[in-house]
Amino acid sequence: MPAIQLTPAIRKEKRGEAHHLDPVVMIGAEGLTPAILKETDAALKAHGLIKVRVFSDDRVNREAMLTQLATELNAAPVQHIGKLLVLWRPIPEKVEVEREDRKPGPRTVKLVTFSKNGSGRPTVKKVQVFGNERLTAGGMVKRSKARPTSVKKRAQSQD
C-alpha cells in the first residue's frame, strides 16, 4: 500500500495539531518489529495523528523507519524532527450495530412548574423516566400497567 500524499498546506496543519501530542509508540534498539507495527497501527486507528519516538542516533535509519511505517500502514509521513516521527491516517468510521431486541433506555425529561404569582420564576426539575413509566399531564411519573383485556377477547384470541 502506498503512503498517503499530503499537500504542503495540509502537512503544515497536521504539524500544528501534533505539536502538543506526546509520543504513543517508542521504537527501541530492536527497530521495527511486527509488534511495533501492530501497536502503531492500533494507535493510528484510535487517534489518527500520532507521534513515534525512535531511540536511535542514526538519522538515515530514522528516515527509513518513517518511510517504512508510512508505506506499510498506509499513513502519511507528516514530520521528522529529531528523534520524533509524526504520522497521520484518517480514522476509520465506526459501524454501529443496531440490535432488534433492544428496548428503549431511560430518558431525562424536564418538568417546568410555573409560580403561583405571575412574577416568580418557574422551577425546572429533571426527572428520569424509564421504559415502563409515563409522564402524566400533572407532572407525575406513573408506571404503565398492563391493559386488562376482556374475557370475550381473551377467548377469541385462544381460538
C-alpha atoms as a PDB file:
ATOM      1  CA  MET A   1       0.000   0.000   0.000  1.00  0.00           C
ATOM      2  CA  PRO A   2       1.444   3.383  -0.916  1.00  0.00           C
ATOM      3  CA  ALA A   3       1.664   6.138   1.653  1.00  0.00           C
ATOM      4  CA  ILE A   4      -0.893   8.947   1.619  1.00  0.00           C
ATOM      5  CA  GLN A   5       0.425  12.089  -0.064  1.00  0.00           C
ATOM      6  CA  LEU A   6      -0.342  15.381   1.679  1.00  0.00           C
ATOM      7  CA  THR A   7      -0.267  18.864   0.236  1.00  0.00           C
ATOM      8  CA  PRO A   8       2.092  21.327   1.949  1.00  0.00           C
ATOM      9  CA  ALA A   9      -0.850  23.245   3.456  1.00  0.00           C
ATOM     10  CA  ILE A  10      -2.404  20.115   4.980  1.00  0.00           C
ATOM     11  CA  ARG A  11       1.020  18.940   6.186  1.00  0.00           C
ATOM     12  CA  LYS A  12       1.517  22.301   7.930  1.00  0.00           C
ATOM     13  CA  GLU A  13      -1.908  21.997   9.571  1.00  0.00           C
ATOM     14  CA  LYS A  14      -1.143  18.452  10.796  1.00  0.00           C
ATOM     15  CA  ARG A  15       2.218  19.581  12.205  1.00  0.00           C
ATOM     16  CA  GLY A  16       0.405  22.250  14.214  1.00  0.00           C
ATOM     17  CA  GLU A  17      -2.130  19.718  15.514  1.00  0.00           C
ATOM     18  CA  ALA A  18       0.661  17.304  16.503  1.00  0.00           C
ATOM     19  CA  HIS A  19       2.688  19.926  18.373  1.00  0.00           C
ATOM     20  CA  HIS A  20       1.089  19.283  21.781  1.00  0.00           C
ATOM     21  CA  LEU A  21       0.919  15.475  21.413  1.00  0.00           C
ATOM     22  CA  ASP A  22       3.096  13.084  23.360  1.00  0.00           C
ATOM     23  CA  PRO A  23       4.685  10.060  21.679  1.00  0.00           C
ATOM     24  CA  VAL A  24       2.432   6.998  21.902  1.00  0.00           C
ATOM     25  CA  VAL A  25       4.837   4.492  20.327  1.00  0.00           C
ATOM     26  CA  MET A  26       8.512   4.057  21.263  1.00  0.00           C
ATOM     27  CA  ILE A  27      10.960   2.267  18.972  1.00  0.00           C
ATOM     28  CA  GLY A  28      13.971   0.864  20.816  1.00  0.00           C
ATOM     29  CA  ALA A  29      17.143  -0.977  19.829  1.00  0.00           C
ATOM     30  CA  GLU A  30      15.219  -3.811  18.139  1.00  0.00           C
ATOM     31  CA  GLY A  31      13.993  -1.458  15.423  1.00  0.00           C
ATOM     32  CA  LEU A  32      10.739  -2.020  13.559  1.00  0.00           C
ATOM     33  CA  THR A  33       9.388  -5.328  14.790  1.00  0.00           C
ATOM     34  CA  PRO A  34       5.959  -6.763  13.953  1.00  0.00           C
ATOM     35  CA  ALA A  35       4.820  -5.793  17.456  1.00  0.00           C
ATOM     36  CA  ILE A  36       5.819  -2.155  16.829  1.00  0.00           C
ATOM     37  CA  LEU A  37       3.928  -2.161  13.529  1.00  0.00           C
ATOM     38  CA  LYS A  38       0.856  -3.620  15.235  1.00  0.00           C
ATOM     39  CA  GLU A  39       0.922  -1.029  18.039  1.00  0.00           C
ATOM     40  CA  THR A  40       1.437   1.818  15.579  1.00  0.00           C
ATOM     41  CA  ASP A  41      -1.494   0.572  13.504  1.00  0.00           C
ATOM     42  CA  ALA A  42      -3.700   0.403  16.613  1.00  0.00           C
ATOM     43  CA  ALA A  43      -2.653   3.922  17.651  1.00  0.00           C
ATOM     44  CA  LEU A  44      -3.423   5.272  14.169  1.00  0.00           C
ATOM     45  CA  LYS A  45      -6.868   3.625  14.253  1.00  0.00           C
ATOM     46  CA  ALA A  46      -7.596   5.162  17.653  1.00  0.00           C
ATOM     47  CA  HIS A  47      -6.058   8.634  17.273  1.00  0.00           C
ATOM     48  CA  GLY A  48      -5.395   9.309  13.595  1.00  0.00           C
ATOM     49  CA  LEU A  49      -2.429  11.603  14.276  1.00  0.00           C
ATOM     50  CA  ILE A  50       0.413  10.155  16.373  1.00  0.00           C
ATOM     51  CA  LYS A  51       3.996  10.781  17.372  1.00  0.00           C
ATOM     52  CA  VAL A  52       6.575   7.998  17.420  1.00  0.00           C
ATOM     53  CA  ARG A  53       9.844   8.316  19.360  1.00  0.00           C
ATOM     54  CA  VAL A  54      12.873   6.471  17.976  1.00  0.00           C
ATOM     55  CA  PHE A  55      15.753   5.776  20.375  1.00  0.00           C
ATOM     56  CA  SER A  56      18.410   5.699  17.668  1.00  0.00           C
ATOM     57  CA  ASP A  57      21.161   8.153  16.806  1.00  0.00           C
ATOM     58  CA  ASP A  58      21.268   7.246  13.101  1.00  0.00           C
ATOM     59  CA  ARG A  59      19.292   9.862  11.146  1.00  0.00           C
ATOM     60  CA  VAL A  60      19.233   7.826   7.934  1.00  0.00           C
ATOM     61  CA  ASN A  61      17.839   4.842   9.830  1.00  0.00           C
ATOM     62  CA  ARG A  62      15.080   7.036  11.315  1.00  0.00           C
ATOM     63  CA  GLU A  63      14.185   8.343   7.837  1.00  0.00           C
ATOM     64  CA  ALA A  64      13.970   4.755   6.595  1.00  0.00           C
ATOM     65  CA  MET A  65      11.716   3.851   9.556  1.00  0.00           C
ATOM     66  CA  LEU A  66       9.410   6.775   8.764  1.00  0.00           C
ATOM     67  CA  THR A  67       9.008   5.750   5.128  1.00  0.00           C
ATOM     68  CA  GLN A  68       8.587   2.072   6.061  1.00  0.00           C
ATOM     69  CA  LEU A  69       5.906   2.885   8.652  1.00  0.00           C
ATOM     70  CA  ALA A  70       4.114   5.145   6.179  1.00  0.00           C
ATOM     71  CA  THR A  71       4.086   2.600   3.357  1.00  0.00           C
ATOM     72  CA  GLU A  72       3.228  -0.485   5.436  1.00  0.00           C
ATOM     73  CA  LEU A  73       0.455   1.202   7.429  1.00  0.00           C
ATOM     74  CA  ASN A  74      -0.920   3.333   4.564  1.00  0.00           C
ATOM     75  CA  ALA A  75      -0.272   6.523   6.526  1.00  0.00           C
ATOM     76  CA  ALA A  76       1.089   9.945   5.616  1.00  0.00           C
ATOM     77  CA  PRO A  77       4.518  10.946   6.924  1.00  0.00           C
ATOM     78  CA  VAL A  78       3.922  14.404   8.386  1.00  0.00           C
ATOM     79  CA  GLN A  79       7.197  15.335  10.066  1.00  0.00           C
ATOM     80  CA  HIS A  80      10.573  14.012  11.162  1.00  0.00           C
ATOM     81  CA  ILE A  81      12.186  16.299  13.692  1.00  0.00           C
ATOM     82  CA  GLY A  82      14.986  14.969  15.832  1.00  0.00           C
ATOM     83  CA  LYS A  83      14.025  11.577  17.190  1.00  0.00           C
ATOM     84  CA  LEU A  84      10.304  12.174  16.735  1.00  0.00           C
ATOM     85  CA  LEU A  85       8.287  10.942  13.780  1.00  0.00           C
ATOM     86  CA  VAL A  86       4.756  12.187  13.119  1.00  0.00           C
ATOM     87  CA  LEU A  87       2.296  10.022  11.168  1.00  0.00           C
ATOM     88  CA  TRP A  88      -1.299  10.669  10.113  1.00  0.00           C
ATOM     89  CA  ARG A  89      -4.035   8.455   8.757  1.00  0.00           C
ATOM     90  CA  PRO A  90      -7.774   9.204   8.683  1.00  0.00           C
ATOM     91  CA  ILE A  91      -9.666   7.441  11.455  1.00  0.00           C
ATOM     92  CA  PRO A  92     -11.991   4.783  10.014  1.00  0.00           C
ATOM     93  CA  GLU A  93     -15.687   5.317  10.708  1.00  0.00           C
ATOM     94  CA  LYS A  94     -17.125   3.052  13.379  1.00  0.00           C
ATOM     95  CA  VAL A  95     -20.012   0.867  12.354  1.00  0.00           C
ATOM     96  CA  GLU A  96     -22.779   0.839  14.943  1.00  0.00           C
ATOM     97  CA  VAL A  97     -24.792  -2.348  15.025  1.00  0.00           C
ATOM     98  CA  GLU A  98     -28.429  -1.870  15.957  1.00  0.00           C
ATOM     99  CA  ARG A  99     -29.916  -4.742  17.934  1.00  0.00           C
ATOM    100  CA  GLU A 100     -33.518  -5.731  17.277  1.00  0.00           C
ATOM    101  CA  ASP A 101     -34.116  -6.999  20.831  1.00  0.00           C
ATOM    102  CA  ARG A 102     -33.011  -3.736  22.414  1.00  0.00           C
ATOM    103  CA  LYS A 103     -35.621  -1.799  24.323  1.00  0.00           C
ATOM    104  CA  PRO A 104     -35.611   1.987  24.799  1.00  0.00           C
ATOM    105  CA  GLY A 105     -33.496   3.202  27.685  1.00  0.00           C
ATOM    106  CA  PRO A 106     -34.279   5.791  30.313  1.00  0.00           C
ATOM    107  CA  ARG A 107     -34.805   9.342  29.137  1.00  0.00           C
ATOM    108  CA  THR A 108     -34.419  12.589  31.037  1.00  0.00           C
ATOM    109  CA  VAL A 109     -37.445  14.884  30.991  1.00  0.00           C
ATOM    110  CA  LYS A 110     -37.591  18.478  32.225  1.00  0.00           C
ATOM    111  CA  LEU A 111     -40.622  19.382  34.317  1.00  0.00           C
ATOM    112  CA  VAL A 112     -41.374  23.103  34.364  1.00  0.00           C
ATOM    113  CA  THR A 113     -43.634  24.322  37.161  1.00  0.00           C
ATOM    114  CA  PHE A 114     -44.751  27.905  36.896  1.00  0.00           C
ATOM    115  CA  SER A 115     -45.103  30.001  40.045  1.00  0.00           C
ATOM    116  CA  LYS A 116     -48.487  30.900  41.513  1.00  0.00           C
ATOM    117  CA  ASN A 117     -47.896  34.633  41.090  1.00  0.00           C
ATOM    118  CA  GLY A 118     -47.030  35.817  37.598  1.00  0.00           C
ATOM    119  CA  SER A 119     -43.735  37.491  38.523  1.00  0.00           C
ATOM    120  CA  GLY A 120     -41.959  34.470  40.064  1.00  0.00           C
ATOM    121  CA  ARG A 121     -39.501  32.329  38.189  1.00  0.00           C
ATOM    122  CA  PRO A 122     -40.578  28.885  37.052  1.00  0.00           C
ATOM    123  CA  THR A 123     -38.884  25.893  38.691  1.00  0.00           C
ATOM    124  CA  VAL A 124     -37.260  23.325  36.456  1.00  0.00           C
ATOM    125  CA  LYS A 125     -36.873  19.767  37.717  1.00  0.00           C
ATOM    126  CA  LYS A 126     -35.181  16.997  35.741  1.00  0.00           C
ATOM    127  CA  VAL A 127     -36.782  13.570  36.078  1.00  0.00           C
ATOM    128  CA  GLN A 128     -35.610  10.277  34.645  1.00  0.00           C
ATOM    129  CA  VAL A 129     -38.416   8.285  33.017  1.00  0.00           C
ATOM    130  CA  PHE A 130     -37.817   4.606  32.368  1.00  0.00           C
ATOM    131  CA  GLY A 131     -39.307   2.482  29.601  1.00  0.00           C
ATOM    132  CA  ASN A 132     -42.187   1.176  31.739  1.00  0.00           C
ATOM    133  CA  GLU A 133     -43.157   4.637  33.018  1.00  0.00           C
ATOM    134  CA  ARG A 134     -45.068   7.578  31.634  1.00  0.00           C
ATOM    135  CA  LEU A 135     -45.432  11.235  32.487  1.00  0.00           C
ATOM    136  CA  THR A 136     -48.931  12.484  33.343  1.00  0.00           C
ATOM    137  CA  ALA A 137     -50.330  15.897  32.469  1.00  0.00           C
ATOM    138  CA  GLY A 138     -49.847  16.996  36.092  1.00  0.00           C
ATOM    139  CA  GLY A 139     -46.124  16.215  36.010  1.00  0.00           C
ATOM    140  CA  MET A 140     -46.299  12.926  37.888  1.00  0.00           C
ATOM    141  CA  VAL A 141     -44.362   9.836  36.862  1.00  0.00           C
ATOM    142  CA  LYS A 142     -46.546   6.720  36.783  1.00  0.00           C
ATOM    143  CA  ARG A 143     -45.786   3.146  35.936  1.00  0.00           C
ATOM    144  CA  SER A 144     -47.717   1.939  32.972  1.00  0.00           C
ATOM    145  CA  LYS A 145     -49.828  -1.098  33.737  1.00  0.00           C
ATOM    146  CA  ALA A 146     -50.681  -3.990  31.519  1.00  0.00           C
ATOM    147  CA  ARG A 147     -54.052  -3.284  29.988  1.00  0.00           C
ATOM    148  CA  PRO A 148     -56.720  -5.686  31.121  1.00  0.00           C
ATOM    149  CA  THR A 149     -58.375  -7.493  28.241  1.00  0.00           C
ATOM    150  CA  SER A 150     -61.943  -8.650  28.353  1.00  0.00           C
ATOM    151  CA  VAL A 151     -62.904 -12.283  28.814  1.00  0.00           C
ATOM    152  CA  LYS A 152     -64.506 -12.355  25.359  1.00  0.00           C
ATOM    153  CA  LYS A 153     -61.366 -11.047  23.614  1.00  0.00           C
ATOM    154  CA  ARG A 154     -59.180 -13.490  25.511  1.00  0.00           C
ATOM    155  CA  ALA A 155     -61.448 -16.340  24.420  1.00  0.00           C
ATOM    156  CA  GLN A 156     -61.320 -15.168  20.785  1.00  0.00           C
ATOM    157  CA  SER A 157     -57.536 -14.970  20.711  1.00  0.00           C
ATOM    158  CA  GLN A 158     -57.214 -18.540  22.068  1.00  0.00           C
ATOM    159  CA  ASP A 159     -59.428 -19.947  19.307  1.00  0.00           C
END
